[in-house]
Each structure stands twice: as structure tokens, then as C-alpha cells.
Amino acid sequence: MRATEDLVAGEPGCRLYRFTATLDDPDEYMHLQEWADEESWRAHQSSPAFRDYQRGLFDLLSRPSDMQVRRGGETVNPAPSAPPDPRSLG
């Protein structure tokens, strides 16, 4: 995850990109991001760095990931940029 932070920090429009464990459950993490604009965020969602991050987590997760992005008062479920975690397919 540190390598992903470093890689993504260099993407155009990236202002903040950090991972942190939650206080209530150290096996759950928050992913904090700040982007200069919508275009930069959308470009990241389809970038090789995001795809590789998603695929690299499969062996580390105890269950399939359920990602939600909270922006303003809205919750967004981004479309996967790669095939889904095989464990989520049943």
C-alpha cells in the first residue's frame, strides 16, 4: 500500500492519497484521497496504478472488498477497473 501511495501521489491532480487503519477494527482501513478535479479522479479510477492496487489486495483480504467513495454528501461505488475479486463471484 505504501508503494501505491507513492506511485499515485505523482498522478496529475492528486493532492492527497493515504491509507489508514480504523480505530475500531485494525483489519479495516480507510482510503483518503483528494483530487484537484473530477477529471483527475476519473483518470485515476482507470489507471494502471489503481488496477494493480485492486489486484494486489486480493491475497491480503479476508473477504471481498466493498469500496465506497464518499464525496460531499454523496456515496459512490466506483466501477472496477479490472476483473472482480474471484472470491466475490461465488
Protein backbone atom coordinates (compact mmCIF):
# COMPACT_ATOMS: atom_id res chain seq x y z
CA MET A 1 0.00 0.00 0.00
CA ARG A 2 2.93 2.34 0.59
CA ALA A 3 4.14 1.73 -2.95
CA THR A 4 0.67 2.61 -4.24
CA GLU A 5 0.64 5.82 -2.17
CA ASP A 6 3.99 6.84 -3.65
CA LEU A 7 3.01 5.95 -7.21
CA VAL A 8 -0.38 7.67 -7.15
CA ALA A 9 0.98 10.80 -5.45
CA GLY A 10 2.69 11.57 -8.78
CA GLU A 11 -0.51 11.32 -10.83
CA PRO A 12 -1.81 14.60 -12.29
CA GLY A 13 -4.28 16.26 -9.95
CA CYS A 14 -3.50 14.12 -6.88
CA ARG A 15 -3.40 16.27 -3.74
CA LEU A 16 -3.67 13.51 -1.09
CA TYR A 17 -3.62 9.72 -1.26
CA ARG A 18 -3.27 7.83 2.04
CA PHE A 19 -4.32 4.57 3.67
CA THR A 20 -5.02 4.29 7.40
CA ALA A 21 -6.40 1.58 9.71
CA THR A 22 -9.66 2.31 11.50
CA LEU A 23 -9.63 2.63 15.30
CA ASP A 24 -12.50 0.19 15.80
CA ASP A 25 -11.15 -2.58 13.56
CA PRO A 26 -7.47 -2.71 12.58
CA ASP A 27 -8.38 -5.16 9.80
CA GLU A 28 -10.45 -2.44 8.14
CA TYR A 29 -8.90 0.59 6.52
CA MET A 30 -9.87 3.98 5.23
CA HIS A 31 -8.54 5.26 1.97
CA LEU A 32 -8.28 9.05 1.94
CA GLN A 33 -7.97 10.84 -1.37
CA GLU A 34 -8.15 14.41 -2.54
CA TRP A 35 -8.11 15.29 -6.24
CA ALA A 36 -7.86 18.67 -7.94
CA ASP A 37 -10.90 17.97 -10.09
CA GLU A 38 -13.33 15.32 -11.28
CA GLU A 39 -11.30 14.60 -14.42
CA SER A 40 -8.19 13.74 -12.38
CA TRP A 41 -10.18 11.43 -10.08
CA ARG A 42 -11.81 9.64 -13.02
CA ALA A 43 -8.44 9.22 -14.75
CA HIS A 44 -7.06 7.62 -11.59
CA GLN A 45 -10.01 5.19 -11.41
CA SER A 46 -8.96 3.73 -14.77
CA SER A 47 -5.19 3.99 -14.24
CA PRO A 48 -2.76 1.07 -14.15
CA ALA A 49 -1.84 2.05 -10.56
CA PHE A 50 -5.45 1.68 -9.40
CA ARG A 51 -5.90 -1.60 -11.28
CA ASP A 52 -2.68 -3.04 -9.84
CA TYR A 53 -3.65 -1.90 -6.34
CA GLN A 54 -7.00 -3.67 -6.61
CA ARG A 55 -5.49 -6.91 -7.90
CA GLY A 56 -2.64 -6.83 -5.36
CA LEU A 57 -5.07 -6.76 -2.45
CA PHE A 58 -6.91 -9.97 -3.34
CA ASP A 59 -4.48 -12.22 -1.46
CA LEU A 60 -4.37 -9.89 1.55
CA LEU A 61 -8.11 -9.53 2.14
CA SER A 62 -10.07 -11.92 4.34
CA ARG A 63 -13.22 -11.16 2.33
CA PRO A 64 -14.03 -9.43 -0.96
CA SER A 65 -13.60 -5.69 -0.84
CA ASP A 66 -16.61 -3.41 -0.91
CA MET A 67 -15.34 0.00 -1.86
CA GLN A 68 -17.37 3.14 -1.37
CA VAL A 69 -16.26 6.66 -2.12
CA ARG A 70 -17.79 9.44 -0.08
CA ARG A 71 -17.64 12.85 -1.71
CA GLY A 72 -19.55 15.73 -0.24
CA GLY A 73 -22.95 14.33 0.70
CA GLU A 74 -22.81 11.58 -1.90
CA THR A 75 -21.64 7.95 -1.75
CA VAL A 76 -20.26 6.48 -4.98
CA ASN A 77 -19.50 2.83 -5.74
CA PRO A 78 -16.80 3.06 -8.43
CA ALA A 79 -16.79 0.62 -11.33
CA PRO A 80 -13.95 -1.90 -11.13
CA SER A 81 -11.01 -1.13 -13.41
CA ALA A 82 -10.10 -4.83 -13.60
CA PRO A 83 -11.91 -8.17 -13.28
CA PRO A 84 -13.51 -8.56 -9.84
CA ASP A 85 -12.02 -10.45 -6.93
CA PRO A 86 -12.61 -14.12 -7.87
CA ARG A 87 -13.94 -14.84 -4.36
CA SER A 88 -16.85 -12.45 -4.93
CA LEU A 89 -18.11 -14.46 -7.92
CA GLY A 90 -19.38 -17.31 -5.76
